[in-house]
Amino acid sequence: MATDAHDRPVPEAGVRGQQVLDLLHKAIDIQGPLVRKNIARARQRNPEATPAEVIRNLERMYVSALTGTGAAVGGAAAAPGVGTGVALALSAGEAFSSLELSALFALSIAEVHGVPIDEIERRRTIVLGIMLGGSGSATITKVAERTGQHWARQVVAKVPGETLKQINKILGRHFITKYGTKQGIIVLGRVAPFGIGAVIGGGANAALATLAVRAGRRAFGPPPTSWP
């Protein structure tokens, strides 16, 4: 049990969740400049691909990459001769990579849809909203006092920056609650006996990626019919 500045006990899950949130913010900052390169990779095999085709490629790339990193680290962490400390360190590094991939995916989808991502608060709302799924979209539309089927277009592209800051504070607390405990469970699962850890790591990441893909589709709605 940790303590805060006033020596009040802080639940360890909350501390861990805040650390994950801090890592996510760092990942969002890092991935912003790489969005267009990621989209270019998705168009590499077919430069004439439509926005819908590019989005499908981005989804496949994201699910494949996230599943692969989870399985690889799970297998390595659980390999014979790897101590628990090293295993946990490997999983912690993979957690940041997962957040980087998730941020890059969400921001790439936003770029294809023409939703502004230049401002840091808008980037954070997009990424947090997609990673939190239904609860994220409910919070965003409630605080913004707007209704609409696809919140990323209706809210993120239009509401003032100060409102987005309020939204992001609430989303951040929800993220801490959801991912502080969940990430801890996944990390410990990867330290399971060799083979099992790879299955847990890959399976957990695949589930998270699938949920993010579905949330992204709900957030943005149908892809543009042509490139701007």
C-alpha atoms as a PDB file:
ATOM      1  CA  MET A   1       0.000   0.000   0.000  1.00  0.00           C
ATOM      2  CA  ALA A   2       1.492   3.336  -1.065  1.00  0.00           C
ATOM      3  CA  THR A   3       0.851   6.748   0.503  1.00  0.00           C
ATOM      4  CA  ASP A   4       0.169  10.128  -1.058  1.00  0.00           C
ATOM      5  CA  ALA A   5       1.496  13.539  -0.122  1.00  0.00           C
ATOM      6  CA  HIS A   6      -0.780  13.676   2.926  1.00  0.00           C
ATOM      7  CA  ASP A   7       0.240  10.214   4.141  1.00  0.00           C
ATOM      8  CA  ARG A   8      -3.126   8.732   3.326  1.00  0.00           C
ATOM      9  CA  PRO A   9      -2.997   5.170   2.009  1.00  0.00           C
ATOM     10  CA  VAL A  10      -3.447   4.832  -1.728  1.00  0.00           C
ATOM     11  CA  PRO A  11      -4.599   1.436  -3.087  1.00  0.00           C
ATOM     12  CA  GLU A  12      -1.838  -0.276  -5.035  1.00  0.00           C
ATOM     13  CA  ALA A  13      -4.202  -0.850  -7.953  1.00  0.00           C
ATOM     14  CA  GLY A  14      -4.735   2.919  -8.113  1.00  0.00           C
ATOM     15  CA  VAL A  15      -0.994   3.582  -8.110  1.00  0.00           C
ATOM     16  CA  ARG A  16      -0.476   1.000 -10.836  1.00  0.00           C
ATOM     17  CA  GLY A  17      -3.371   2.466 -12.819  1.00  0.00           C
ATOM     18  CA  GLN A  18      -1.892   5.968 -12.620  1.00  0.00           C
ATOM     19  CA  GLN A  19       1.416   4.616 -13.864  1.00  0.00           C
ATOM     20  CA  VAL A  20      -0.349   2.995 -16.821  1.00  0.00           C
ATOM     21  CA  LEU A  21      -2.198   6.258 -17.541  1.00  0.00           C
ATOM     22  CA  ASP A  22       1.091   8.180 -17.465  1.00  0.00           C
ATOM     23  CA  LEU A  23       2.548   5.677 -19.918  1.00  0.00           C
ATOM     24  CA  LEU A  24      -0.482   6.099 -22.171  1.00  0.00           C
ATOM     25  CA  HIS A  25      -0.062   9.881 -22.223  1.00  0.00           C
ATOM     26  CA  LYS A  26       3.601   9.397 -23.138  1.00  0.00           C
ATOM     27  CA  ALA A  27       2.610   6.963 -25.887  1.00  0.00           C
ATOM     28  CA  ILE A  28       0.085   9.454 -27.287  1.00  0.00           C
ATOM     29  CA  ASP A  29       2.747  12.164 -27.438  1.00  0.00           C
ATOM     30  CA  ILE A  30       5.196   9.851 -29.189  1.00  0.00           C
ATOM     31  CA  GLN A  31       2.792   8.385 -31.730  1.00  0.00           C
ATOM     32  CA  GLY A  32       1.293  11.632 -33.013  1.00  0.00           C
ATOM     33  CA  PRO A  33       4.015  12.308 -35.635  1.00  0.00           C
ATOM     34  CA  LEU A  34       3.964   8.663 -36.800  1.00  0.00           C
ATOM     35  CA  VAL A  35       0.305   8.532 -37.808  1.00  0.00           C
ATOM     36  CA  ARG A  36       0.764   9.352 -41.475  1.00  0.00           C
ATOM     37  CA  LYS A  37       3.621   6.872 -41.783  1.00  0.00           C
ATOM     38  CA  ASN A  38       1.334   4.204 -40.326  1.00  0.00           C
ATOM     39  CA  ILE A  39      -1.375   5.043 -42.854  1.00  0.00           C
ATOM     40  CA  ALA A  40       1.182   4.943 -45.650  1.00  0.00           C
ATOM     41  CA  ARG A  41       2.165   1.427 -44.543  1.00  0.00           C
ATOM     42  CA  ALA A  42      -1.487   0.383 -44.669  1.00  0.00           C
ATOM     43  CA  ARG A  43      -1.670   1.690 -48.251  1.00  0.00           C
ATOM     44  CA  GLN A  44       1.668   0.249 -49.320  1.00  0.00           C
ATOM     45  CA  ARG A  45       0.352  -2.788 -51.172  1.00  0.00           C
ATOM     46  CA  ASN A  46      -2.395  -0.790 -52.857  1.00  0.00           C
ATOM     47  CA  PRO A  47      -1.769   2.955 -53.215  1.00  0.00           C
ATOM     48  CA  GLU A  48      -5.256   3.292 -54.710  1.00  0.00           C
ATOM     49  CA  ALA A  49      -6.967   1.759 -51.681  1.00  0.00           C
ATOM     50  CA  THR A  50     -10.127   3.466 -50.473  1.00  0.00           C
ATOM     51  CA  PRO A  51     -10.412   4.827 -46.920  1.00  0.00           C
ATOM     52  CA  ALA A  52     -12.531   1.802 -45.995  1.00  0.00           C
ATOM     53  CA  GLU A  53      -9.852  -0.584 -47.254  1.00  0.00           C
ATOM     54  CA  VAL A  54      -7.112   1.319 -45.430  1.00  0.00           C
ATOM     55  CA  ILE A  55      -9.089   1.213 -42.179  1.00  0.00           C
ATOM     56  CA  ARG A  56      -9.519  -2.548 -42.514  1.00  0.00           C
ATOM     57  CA  ASN A  57      -5.767  -2.869 -43.050  1.00  0.00           C
ATOM     58  CA  LEU A  58      -5.069  -0.698 -40.008  1.00  0.00           C
ATOM     59  CA  GLU A  59      -7.369  -2.900 -37.927  1.00  0.00           C
ATOM     60  CA  ARG A  60      -5.644  -6.090 -39.091  1.00  0.00           C
ATOM     61  CA  MET A  61      -2.194  -4.611 -38.510  1.00  0.00           C
ATOM     62  CA  TYR A  62      -3.156  -3.517 -35.002  1.00  0.00           C
ATOM     63  CA  VAL A  63      -4.716  -6.813 -33.913  1.00  0.00           C
ATOM     64  CA  SER A  64      -1.821  -8.804 -35.364  1.00  0.00           C
ATOM     65  CA  ALA A  65       0.867  -6.603 -33.789  1.00  0.00           C
ATOM     66  CA  LEU A  66      -0.750  -6.483 -30.360  1.00  0.00           C
ATOM     67  CA  THR A  67      -1.390 -10.223 -30.287  1.00  0.00           C
ATOM     68  CA  GLY A  68       2.149 -10.953 -31.412  1.00  0.00           C
ATOM     69  CA  THR A  69       3.820  -8.795 -28.771  1.00  0.00           C
ATOM     70  CA  GLY A  70       1.694 -10.307 -26.018  1.00  0.00           C
ATOM     71  CA  ALA A  71       2.471 -13.862 -27.066  1.00  0.00           C
ATOM     72  CA  ALA A  72       6.187 -13.198 -27.585  1.00  0.00           C
ATOM     73  CA  VAL A  73       6.684 -11.549 -24.215  1.00  0.00           C
ATOM     74  CA  GLY A  74       4.467 -14.089 -22.488  1.00  0.00           C
ATOM     75  CA  GLY A  75       6.575 -16.913 -23.867  1.00  0.00           C
ATOM     76  CA  ALA A  76       9.877 -15.207 -23.083  1.00  0.00           C
ATOM     77  CA  ALA A  77       8.808 -14.215 -19.574  1.00  0.00           C
ATOM     78  CA  ALA A  78       7.748 -17.751 -18.777  1.00  0.00           C
ATOM     79  CA  ALA A  79      10.774 -19.467 -20.327  1.00  0.00           C
ATOM     80  CA  PRO A  80      12.801 -21.765 -18.067  1.00  0.00           C
ATOM     81  CA  GLY A  81      15.588 -19.929 -16.267  1.00  0.00           C
ATOM     82  CA  VAL A  82      13.977 -16.488 -16.461  1.00  0.00           C
ATOM     83  CA  GLY A  83      13.516 -15.080 -12.975  1.00  0.00           C
ATOM     84  CA  THR A  84      10.310 -13.432 -11.817  1.00  0.00           C
ATOM     85  CA  GLY A  85      11.958  -9.991 -11.713  1.00  0.00           C
ATOM     86  CA  VAL A  86      13.100 -10.254 -15.326  1.00  0.00           C
ATOM     87  CA  ALA A  87       9.723 -11.641 -16.350  1.00  0.00           C
ATOM     88  CA  LEU A  88       7.881  -8.723 -14.777  1.00  0.00           C
ATOM     89  CA  ALA A  89      10.296  -6.264 -16.378  1.00  0.00           C
ATOM     90  CA  LEU A  90       9.647  -7.803 -19.795  1.00  0.00           C
ATOM     91  CA  SER A  91       5.901  -7.563 -19.257  1.00  0.00           C
ATOM     92  CA  ALA A  92       6.152  -3.953 -18.112  1.00  0.00           C
ATOM     93  CA  GLY A  93       8.054  -3.061 -21.285  1.00  0.00           C
ATOM     94  CA  GLU A  94       5.463  -4.848 -23.379  1.00  0.00           C
ATOM     95  CA  ALA A  95       2.692  -2.920 -21.608  1.00  0.00           C
ATOM     96  CA  PHE A  96       4.156   0.335 -22.896  1.00  0.00           C
ATOM     97  CA  SER A  97       4.496  -1.121 -26.395  1.00  0.00           C
ATOM     98  CA  SER A  98       0.833  -2.141 -26.248  1.00  0.00           C
ATOM     99  CA  LEU A  99      -0.182   1.378 -25.291  1.00  0.00           C
ATOM    100  CA  GLU A 100       1.933   2.778 -28.137  1.00  0.00           C
ATOM    101  CA  LEU A 101       0.238   0.462 -30.620  1.00  0.00           C
ATOM    102  CA  SER A 102      -3.220   1.345 -29.279  1.00  0.00           C
ATOM    103  CA  ALA A 103      -2.540   5.083 -29.448  1.00  0.00           C
ATOM    104  CA  LEU A 104      -1.155   4.788 -32.979  1.00  0.00           C
ATOM    105  CA  PHE A 105      -4.165   2.750 -34.105  1.00  0.00           C
ATOM    106  CA  ALA A 106      -6.763   5.156 -32.678  1.00  0.00           C
ATOM    107  CA  LEU A 107      -5.039   8.252 -34.047  1.00  0.00           C
ATOM    108  CA  SER A 108      -4.546   6.652 -37.468  1.00  0.00           C
ATOM    109  CA  ILE A 109      -8.256   5.865 -37.716  1.00  0.00           C
ATOM    110  CA  ALA A 110      -9.041   9.455 -36.730  1.00  0.00           C
ATOM    111  CA  GLU A 111      -6.727  10.766 -39.451  1.00  0.00           C
ATOM    112  CA  VAL A 112      -8.413   8.653 -42.134  1.00  0.00           C
ATOM    113  CA  HIS A 113     -11.804   9.967 -40.990  1.00  0.00           C
ATOM    114  CA  GLY A 114     -10.569  13.551 -41.116  1.00  0.00           C
ATOM    115  CA  VAL A 115     -10.955  14.168 -37.380  1.00  0.00           C
ATOM    116  CA  PRO A 116      -8.407  16.731 -36.069  1.00  0.00           C
ATOM    117  CA  ILE A 117      -5.584  15.213 -34.009  1.00  0.00           C
ATOM    118  CA  ASP A 118      -3.135  18.114 -33.875  1.00  0.00           C
ATOM    119  CA  GLU A 119      -4.053  19.197 -30.346  1.00  0.00           C
ATOM    120  CA  ILE A 120      -2.936  17.015 -27.444  1.00  0.00           C
ATOM    121  CA  GLU A 121      -6.314  17.105 -25.648  1.00  0.00           C
ATOM    122  CA  ARG A 122      -8.125  15.923 -28.775  1.00  0.00           C
ATOM    123  CA  ARG A 123      -5.627  13.099 -29.193  1.00  0.00           C
ATOM    124  CA  ARG A 124      -6.124  12.048 -25.585  1.00  0.00           C
ATOM    125  CA  THR A 125      -9.903  12.064 -25.885  1.00  0.00           C
ATOM    126  CA  ILE A 126      -9.788   9.899 -29.005  1.00  0.00           C
ATOM    127  CA  VAL A 127      -7.390   7.326 -27.543  1.00  0.00           C
ATOM    128  CA  LEU A 128      -8.954   7.159 -24.068  1.00  0.00           C
ATOM    129  CA  GLY A 129     -12.466   7.022 -25.496  1.00  0.00           C
ATOM    130  CA  ILE A 130     -11.646   4.124 -27.798  1.00  0.00           C
ATOM    131  CA  MET A 131      -9.720   2.163 -25.169  1.00  0.00           C
ATOM    132  CA  LEU A 132     -12.580   2.561 -22.675  1.00  0.00           C
ATOM    133  CA  GLY A 133     -15.234   1.512 -25.179  1.00  0.00           C
ATOM    134  CA  GLY A 134     -18.869   2.046 -24.205  1.00  0.00           C
ATOM    135  CA  SER A 135     -18.150   3.729 -20.883  1.00  0.00           C
ATOM    136  CA  GLY A 136     -15.812   6.152 -22.637  1.00  0.00           C
ATOM    137  CA  SER A 137     -18.357   7.184 -25.244  1.00  0.00           C
ATOM    138  CA  ALA A 138     -21.040   7.645 -22.573  1.00  0.00           C
ATOM    139  CA  THR A 139     -18.772   9.931 -20.550  1.00  0.00           C
ATOM    140  CA  ILE A 140     -17.735  11.988 -23.568  1.00  0.00           C
ATOM    141  CA  THR A 141     -21.249  12.668 -24.809  1.00  0.00           C
ATOM    142  CA  LYS A 142     -22.528  13.425 -21.301  1.00  0.00           C
ATOM    143  CA  VAL A 143     -19.836  15.951 -20.355  1.00  0.00           C
ATOM    144  CA  ALA A 144     -19.884  17.574 -23.793  1.00  0.00           C
ATOM    145  CA  GLU A 145     -23.691  17.785 -23.578  1.00  0.00           C
ATOM    146  CA  ARG A 146     -24.033  16.532 -27.105  1.00  0.00           C
ATOM    147  CA  THR A 147     -25.812  13.589 -28.588  1.00  0.00           C
ATOM    148  CA  GLY A 148     -24.851  11.700 -31.682  1.00  0.00           C
ATOM    149  CA  GLN A 149     -24.245   8.182 -32.848  1.00  0.00           C
ATOM    150  CA  HIS A 150     -20.558   8.683 -33.545  1.00  0.00           C
ATOM    151  CA  TRP A 151     -18.923  10.692 -30.769  1.00  0.00           C
ATOM    152  CA  ALA A 152     -15.522  11.116 -32.415  1.00  0.00           C
ATOM    153  CA  ARG A 153     -17.018  13.231 -35.179  1.00  0.00           C
ATOM    154  CA  GLN A 154     -19.676  14.988 -33.125  1.00  0.00           C
ATOM    155  CA  VAL A 155     -17.601  15.786 -30.067  1.00  0.00           C
ATOM    156  CA  VAL A 156     -13.849  15.622 -30.537  1.00  0.00           C
ATOM    157  CA  ALA A 157     -13.803  17.640 -33.724  1.00  0.00           C
ATOM    158  CA  LYS A 158     -16.105  20.374 -32.457  1.00  0.00           C
ATOM    159  CA  VAL A 159     -16.099  20.973 -28.690  1.00  0.00           C
ATOM    160  CA  PRO A 160     -13.750  23.559 -27.095  1.00  0.00           C
ATOM    161  CA  GLY A 161     -10.397  22.517 -25.665  1.00  0.00           C
ATOM    162  CA  GLU A 162     -11.421  23.359 -22.090  1.00  0.00           C
ATOM    163  CA  THR A 163     -14.342  20.950 -22.324  1.00  0.00           C
ATOM    164  CA  LEU A 164     -12.013  18.265 -23.635  1.00  0.00           C
ATOM    165  CA  LYS A 165      -9.760  18.781 -20.609  1.00  0.00           C
ATOM    166  CA  GLN A 166     -12.728  18.113 -18.311  1.00  0.00           C
ATOM    167  CA  ILE A 167     -13.618  15.036 -20.333  1.00  0.00           C
ATOM    168  CA  ASN A 168     -10.058  13.733 -20.225  1.00  0.00           C
ATOM    169  CA  LYS A 169      -9.831  14.084 -16.453  1.00  0.00           C
ATOM    170  CA  ILE A 170     -12.886  11.866 -16.038  1.00  0.00           C
ATOM    171  CA  LEU A 171     -11.726   9.415 -18.702  1.00  0.00           C
ATOM    172  CA  GLY A 172      -8.330   9.251 -16.989  1.00  0.00           C
ATOM    173  CA  ARG A 173      -9.951   8.202 -13.697  1.00  0.00           C
ATOM    174  CA  HIS A 174     -11.995   5.554 -15.498  1.00  0.00           C
ATOM    175  CA  PHE A 175      -8.875   4.336 -17.273  1.00  0.00           C
ATOM    176  CA  ILE A 176      -7.033   3.981 -13.956  1.00  0.00           C
ATOM    177  CA  THR A 177      -9.910   1.987 -12.477  1.00  0.00           C
ATOM    178  CA  LYS A 178     -10.224  -0.290 -15.509  1.00  0.00           C
ATOM    179  CA  TYR A 179      -6.609  -0.873 -16.491  1.00  0.00           C
ATOM    180  CA  GLY A 180      -4.850  -0.687 -13.141  1.00  0.00           C
ATOM    181  CA  THR A 181      -6.245  -4.038 -12.074  1.00  0.00           C
ATOM    182  CA  LYS A 182      -6.608  -5.538 -15.542  1.00  0.00           C
ATOM    183  CA  GLN A 183      -3.012  -4.859 -16.560  1.00  0.00           C
ATOM    184  CA  GLY A 184      -1.771  -6.336 -13.287  1.00  0.00           C
ATOM    185  CA  ILE A 185      -3.705  -9.538 -13.936  1.00  0.00           C
ATOM    186  CA  ILE A 186      -2.347  -9.799 -17.475  1.00  0.00           C
ATOM    187  CA  VAL A 187       1.237  -9.217 -16.339  1.00  0.00           C
ATOM    188  CA  LEU A 188       1.001 -11.881 -13.662  1.00  0.00           C
ATOM    189  CA  GLY A 189      -0.600 -14.260 -16.134  1.00  0.00           C
ATOM    190  CA  ARG A 190       2.395 -13.944 -18.430  1.00  0.00           C
ATOM    191  CA  VAL A 191       4.651 -15.258 -15.684  1.00  0.00           C
ATOM    192  CA  ALA A 192       2.771 -18.553 -15.767  1.00  0.00           C
ATOM    193  CA  PRO A 193       4.639 -21.729 -16.810  1.00  0.00           C
ATOM    194  CA  PHE A 194       6.260 -21.699 -20.248  1.00  0.00           C
ATOM    195  CA  GLY A 195       3.689 -22.013 -23.021  1.00  0.00           C
ATOM    196  CA  ILE A 196       0.769 -21.000 -20.830  1.00  0.00           C
ATOM    197  CA  GLY A 197       2.223 -17.504 -20.459  1.00  0.00           C
ATOM    198  CA  ALA A 198       2.389 -17.098 -24.233  1.00  0.00           C
ATOM    199  CA  VAL A 199      -1.240 -18.156 -24.605  1.00  0.00           C
ATOM    200  CA  ILE A 200      -2.376 -15.784 -21.859  1.00  0.00           C
ATOM    201  CA  GLY A 201      -0.313 -12.893 -23.198  1.00  0.00           C
ATOM    202  CA  GLY A 202      -1.420 -13.325 -26.787  1.00  0.00           C
ATOM    203  CA  GLY A 203      -5.041 -14.036 -25.890  1.00  0.00           C
ATOM    204  CA  ALA A 204      -5.368 -11.085 -23.534  1.00  0.00           C
ATOM    205  CA  ASN A 205      -3.871  -8.695 -26.063  1.00  0.00           C
ATOM    206  CA  ALA A 206      -6.040 -10.072 -28.863  1.00  0.00           C
ATOM    207  CA  ALA A 207      -9.135  -9.465 -26.742  1.00  0.00           C
ATOM    208  CA  LEU A 208      -8.091  -5.895 -25.944  1.00  0.00           C
ATOM    209  CA  ALA A 209      -7.329  -5.199 -29.608  1.00  0.00           C
ATOM    210  CA  THR A 210     -10.675  -6.591 -30.763  1.00  0.00           C
ATOM    211  CA  LEU A 211     -12.540  -4.408 -28.275  1.00  0.00           C
ATOM    212  CA  ALA A 212     -10.601  -1.342 -29.437  1.00  0.00           C
ATOM    213  CA  VAL A 213     -11.412  -2.099 -33.076  1.00  0.00           C
ATOM    214  CA  ARG A 214     -15.128  -2.338 -32.288  1.00  0.00           C
ATOM    215  CA  ALA A 215     -14.992   0.846 -30.230  1.00  0.00           C
ATOM    216  CA  GLY A 216     -13.255   2.638 -33.089  1.00  0.00           C
ATOM    217  CA  ARG A 217     -15.982   1.632 -35.530  1.00  0.00           C
ATOM    218  CA  ARG A 218     -18.671   2.916 -33.175  1.00  0.00           C
ATOM    219  CA  ALA A 219     -16.760   6.125 -32.463  1.00  0.00           C
ATOM    220  CA  PHE A 220     -16.216   7.186 -36.068  1.00  0.00           C
ATOM    221  CA  GLY A 221     -18.969   5.437 -37.995  1.00  0.00           C
ATOM    222  CA  PRO A 222     -18.736   4.592 -41.705  1.00  0.00           C
ATOM    223  CA  PRO A 223     -15.440   5.501 -43.417  1.00  0.00           C
ATOM    224  CA  PRO A 224     -15.303   8.382 -45.905  1.00  0.00           C
ATOM    225  CA  THR A 225     -16.122   7.357 -49.450  1.00  0.00           C
ATOM    226  CA  SER A 226     -13.033   9.130 -50.810  1.00  0.00           C
ATOM    227  CA  TRP A 227      -9.836  10.801 -49.663  1.00  0.00           C
ATOM    228  CA  PRO A 228     -10.015  14.529 -48.895  1.00  0.00           C
END
